[in-house]
Each structure stands twice: as C-alpha cells, then as structure tokens.
C-alpha cells in the first residue's frame, strides 16, 4: 500500500503531498468540504493544521483522508530527474 510521506497546505482548500512511491502533486480537498464531517476545514486557519495521519492526512478534530483517495485524485507534478 502506498502512503503519504509529506503534506503541506498550498491554499485554503488544497494540499501538496508526496507519496512513498515518489509521486508528488496537489490534492484538492474542496469536494469533501461540503459534508458535515469536513465542514470545519472551511476555516482556513484550521485547514492549515493538516498533518500526516497514519498513511494519509488528517486534522486535529479527526477529519482524515486515506492514501488511496489522495493518490487517485491528486494532480501529479512532473517528475524531476535526480
């Protein structure tokens, strides 16, 4: 199973992620913010508290997204050769 190894907020509704398989990109959280469970993420200060959570990402009050969802929906950056 793949996992998120780094995350940082890019804007008020998107995060930059790096996956264990070396892929990097932007994941748009906005589609999830419409549900009651993720509603608190609409507060930008709270959204910016995103951290690694198990193999995915999460926030202090329990909202989380798994690595499979993130990997499937992120917009990947072009790979930069070493």
N, C-alpha and C. Protein backbone atom coordinates (compact mmCIF):
# COMPACT_ATOMS: atom_id res chain seq x y z
N UNK A 1 0.84 -1.19 0.00
CA UNK A 1 0.00 0.00 0.00
C UNK A 1 0.89 1.24 0.00
N UNK A 2 0.52 2.22 -0.80
CA UNK A 2 1.22 3.48 -0.85
C UNK A 2 0.84 4.30 0.38
N UNK A 3 1.65 5.31 0.71
CA UNK A 3 1.29 6.19 1.81
C UNK A 3 1.82 7.59 1.55
N UNK A 4 1.20 8.55 2.22
CA UNK A 4 1.64 9.93 2.14
C UNK A 4 2.82 10.08 3.10
N UNK A 5 3.92 10.65 2.60
CA UNK A 5 5.09 10.83 3.47
C UNK A 5 5.36 12.30 3.79
N UNK A 6 4.68 13.21 3.09
CA UNK A 6 4.81 14.64 3.37
C UNK A 6 3.54 15.35 2.92
N UNK A 7 3.14 16.37 3.69
CA UNK A 7 1.97 17.17 3.33
C UNK A 7 2.17 18.59 3.83
N UNK A 8 1.71 19.54 3.04
CA UNK A 8 1.69 20.94 3.48
C UNK A 8 0.54 21.64 2.76
N UNK A 9 -0.09 22.61 3.43
CA UNK A 9 -1.17 23.33 2.77
C UNK A 9 -0.61 24.21 1.65
N UNK A 10 -1.32 24.24 0.53
CA UNK A 10 -0.94 25.12 -0.57
C UNK A 10 -1.82 26.35 -0.60
N UNK A 11 -3.08 26.17 -0.27
CA UNK A 11 -4.06 27.26 -0.26
C UNK A 11 -5.10 26.91 0.80
N UNK A 12 -6.25 27.58 0.74
CA UNK A 12 -7.30 27.33 1.74
C UNK A 12 -8.08 26.05 1.48
N UNK A 13 -7.78 25.35 0.38
CA UNK A 13 -8.52 24.13 0.09
C UNK A 13 -7.71 23.07 -0.66
N UNK A 14 -6.42 23.28 -0.80
CA UNK A 14 -5.57 22.31 -1.47
C UNK A 14 -4.30 22.05 -0.66
N UNK A 15 -3.81 20.83 -0.76
CA UNK A 15 -2.56 20.47 -0.09
C UNK A 15 -1.58 19.89 -1.11
N UNK A 16 -0.31 20.10 -0.84
CA UNK A 16 0.75 19.48 -1.62
C UNK A 16 1.15 18.22 -0.89
N UNK A 17 1.20 17.11 -1.59
CA UNK A 17 1.53 15.83 -0.97
C UNK A 17 2.67 15.16 -1.71
N UNK A 18 3.40 14.35 -0.96
CA UNK A 18 4.41 13.47 -1.54
C UNK A 18 4.08 12.06 -1.09
N UNK A 19 4.05 11.15 -2.05
CA UNK A 19 3.73 9.76 -1.78
C UNK A 19 5.01 8.94 -1.63
N UNK A 20 4.92 7.83 -0.95
CA UNK A 20 6.08 6.96 -0.73
C UNK A 20 6.67 6.44 -2.04
N UNK A 21 5.85 6.35 -3.08
CA UNK A 21 6.34 5.86 -4.37
C UNK A 21 7.06 6.93 -5.18
N UNK A 22 7.22 8.13 -4.59
CA UNK A 22 7.94 9.21 -5.25
C UNK A 22 7.08 10.21 -5.99
N UNK A 23 5.80 9.93 -6.15
CA UNK A 23 4.92 10.88 -6.83
C UNK A 23 4.64 12.08 -5.92
N UNK A 24 4.58 13.26 -6.53
CA UNK A 24 4.25 14.49 -5.81
C UNK A 24 3.18 15.24 -6.58
N UNK A 25 2.31 15.93 -5.85
CA UNK A 25 1.28 16.67 -6.53
C UNK A 25 0.39 17.43 -5.58
N UNK A 26 -0.70 17.94 -6.13
CA UNK A 26 -1.66 18.75 -5.38
C UNK A 26 -2.97 17.97 -5.26
N UNK A 27 -3.50 17.95 -4.06
CA UNK A 27 -4.77 17.29 -3.80
C UNK A 27 -5.79 18.36 -3.39
N UNK A 28 -6.91 18.41 -4.10
CA UNK A 28 -7.97 19.38 -3.84
C UNK A 28 -8.95 18.80 -2.83
N UNK A 29 -9.02 19.42 -1.67
CA UNK A 29 -9.90 18.95 -0.60
C UNK A 29 -11.31 19.54 -0.73
N UNK A 30 -11.48 20.57 -1.54
CA UNK A 30 -12.76 21.29 -1.67
C UNK A 30 -13.96 20.35 -1.89
N UNK A 31 -13.89 19.33 -2.75
CA UNK A 31 -15.07 18.48 -2.94
C UNK A 31 -15.56 17.79 -1.66
N UNK A 32 -14.70 17.63 -0.70
CA UNK A 32 -15.08 16.96 0.56
C UNK A 32 -15.65 17.93 1.59
N UNK A 33 -15.38 19.21 1.42
CA UNK A 33 -15.78 20.20 2.42
C UNK A 33 -17.28 20.42 2.50
N UNK A 34 -18.04 19.91 1.56
CA UNK A 34 -19.49 20.07 1.58
C UNK A 34 -20.17 19.19 2.61
N UNK A 35 -19.48 18.15 3.08
CA UNK A 35 -20.10 17.26 4.05
C UNK A 35 -19.93 17.81 5.47
N UNK A 36 -20.83 17.43 6.36
CA UNK A 36 -20.75 17.88 7.74
C UNK A 36 -19.44 17.48 8.40
N UNK A 37 -18.95 16.29 8.08
CA UNK A 37 -17.72 15.78 8.68
C UNK A 37 -16.52 16.68 8.39
N UNK A 38 -16.45 17.24 7.18
CA UNK A 38 -15.32 18.06 6.77
C UNK A 38 -15.60 19.56 6.83
N UNK A 39 -16.77 19.96 7.26
CA UNK A 39 -17.18 21.37 7.26
C UNK A 39 -16.17 22.29 7.95
N UNK A 40 -15.58 21.80 9.04
CA UNK A 40 -14.63 22.61 9.81
C UNK A 40 -13.40 23.01 8.98
N UNK A 41 -13.12 22.27 7.91
CA UNK A 41 -11.97 22.59 7.07
C UNK A 41 -12.16 23.88 6.28
N UNK A 42 -13.38 24.39 6.24
CA UNK A 42 -13.61 25.66 5.56
C UNK A 42 -12.95 26.83 6.29
N UNK A 43 -12.62 26.64 7.56
CA UNK A 43 -11.87 27.64 8.31
C UNK A 43 -10.40 27.51 7.91
N UNK A 44 -9.86 28.52 7.23
CA UNK A 44 -8.51 28.42 6.68
C UNK A 44 -7.45 28.16 7.75
N UNK A 45 -7.58 28.79 8.90
CA UNK A 45 -6.63 28.56 9.98
C UNK A 45 -6.61 27.11 10.42
N UNK A 46 -7.79 26.53 10.51
CA UNK A 46 -7.90 25.12 10.88
C UNK A 46 -7.38 24.23 9.74
N UNK A 47 -7.74 24.55 8.51
CA UNK A 47 -7.30 23.76 7.36
C UNK A 47 -5.78 23.65 7.33
N UNK A 48 -5.11 24.73 7.65
CA UNK A 48 -3.64 24.77 7.59
C UNK A 48 -2.97 23.92 8.69
N UNK A 49 -3.76 23.34 9.57
CA UNK A 49 -3.21 22.45 10.60
C UNK A 49 -3.07 21.01 10.11
N UNK A 50 -3.22 20.78 8.81
CA UNK A 50 -3.12 19.44 8.23
C UNK A 50 -1.78 18.81 8.59
N UNK A 51 -1.83 17.51 8.89
CA UNK A 51 -0.63 16.75 9.27
C UNK A 51 -0.74 15.34 8.69
N UNK A 52 0.37 14.62 8.74
CA UNK A 52 0.33 13.20 8.40
C UNK A 52 -0.52 12.49 9.44
N UNK A 53 -1.33 11.56 8.99
CA UNK A 53 -2.18 10.79 9.89
C UNK A 53 -2.19 9.36 9.39
N UNK A 54 -1.55 8.47 10.13
CA UNK A 54 -1.32 7.09 9.69
C UNK A 54 -0.72 7.13 8.29
N UNK A 55 -1.35 6.56 7.30
CA UNK A 55 -0.79 6.54 5.94
C UNK A 55 -1.31 7.68 5.08
N UNK A 56 -2.23 8.48 5.62
CA UNK A 56 -2.84 9.57 4.86
C UNK A 56 -2.59 10.91 5.53
N UNK A 57 -3.61 11.77 5.48
CA UNK A 57 -3.53 13.10 6.10
C UNK A 57 -4.71 13.29 7.03
N UNK A 58 -4.55 14.19 8.00
CA UNK A 58 -5.64 14.44 8.94
C UNK A 58 -5.51 15.78 9.63
N UNK A 59 -6.56 16.11 10.39
CA UNK A 59 -6.65 17.35 11.13
C UNK A 59 -6.93 17.04 12.59
N UNK A 60 -6.72 18.02 13.49
CA UNK A 60 -6.83 17.76 14.93
C UNK A 60 -8.15 17.17 15.43
N UNK A 61 -9.26 17.49 14.80
CA UNK A 61 -10.55 17.03 15.29
C UNK A 61 -11.05 15.75 14.61
N UNK A 62 -10.14 15.03 13.95
CA UNK A 62 -10.48 13.71 13.44
C UNK A 62 -10.79 13.59 11.96
N UNK A 63 -10.87 14.68 11.24
CA UNK A 63 -11.11 14.57 9.80
C UNK A 63 -9.84 13.97 9.18
N UNK A 64 -10.02 13.02 8.28
CA UNK A 64 -8.86 12.42 7.64
C UNK A 64 -9.22 11.90 6.25
N UNK A 65 -8.18 11.77 5.44
CA UNK A 65 -8.31 11.24 4.08
C UNK A 65 -7.20 10.21 3.89
N UNK A 66 -7.57 9.08 3.32
CA UNK A 66 -6.63 7.98 3.15
C UNK A 66 -5.74 8.12 1.93
N UNK A 67 -4.65 7.37 1.92
CA UNK A 67 -3.69 7.47 0.83
C UNK A 67 -4.24 7.04 -0.53
N UNK A 68 -5.15 6.10 -0.57
CA UNK A 68 -5.70 5.66 -1.86
C UNK A 68 -6.52 6.76 -2.52
N UNK A 69 -7.33 7.45 -1.73
CA UNK A 69 -8.12 8.57 -2.24
C UNK A 69 -7.21 9.68 -2.75
N UNK A 70 -6.21 10.01 -1.95
CA UNK A 70 -5.29 11.08 -2.33
C UNK A 70 -4.52 10.72 -3.60
N UNK A 71 -3.98 9.51 -3.67
CA UNK A 71 -3.21 9.08 -4.84
C UNK A 71 -4.08 9.08 -6.10
N UNK A 72 -5.33 8.68 -5.98
CA UNK A 72 -6.22 8.60 -7.14
C UNK A 72 -6.65 9.96 -7.66
N UNK A 73 -6.76 10.94 -6.76
CA UNK A 73 -7.34 12.23 -7.15
C UNK A 73 -6.35 13.38 -7.23
N UNK A 74 -5.10 13.18 -6.81
CA UNK A 74 -4.15 14.29 -6.85
C UNK A 74 -3.71 14.58 -8.28
N UNK A 75 -3.36 15.83 -8.51
CA UNK A 75 -2.80 16.25 -9.80
C UNK A 75 -1.30 16.20 -9.62
N UNK A 76 -0.69 15.27 -10.32
CA UNK A 76 0.73 15.00 -10.12
C UNK A 76 1.61 16.04 -10.79
N UNK A 77 2.68 16.44 -10.08
CA UNK A 77 3.71 17.28 -10.68
C UNK A 77 4.52 16.40 -11.63
N UNK A 78 5.11 17.01 -12.62
CA UNK A 78 6.01 16.25 -13.49
C UNK A 78 7.17 15.78 -12.64
N UNK A 79 7.59 14.55 -12.86
CA UNK A 79 8.71 14.01 -12.10
C UNK A 79 9.99 14.72 -12.53
N UNK A 80 10.77 15.10 -11.54
CA UNK A 80 12.03 15.79 -11.79
C UNK A 80 13.15 14.75 -11.69
N UNK A 81 13.93 14.58 -12.72
CA UNK A 81 15.01 13.58 -12.65
C UNK A 81 16.02 13.94 -11.57
N UNK A 82 16.57 12.93 -10.93
CA UNK A 82 17.57 13.16 -9.88
C UNK A 82 18.88 13.64 -10.49
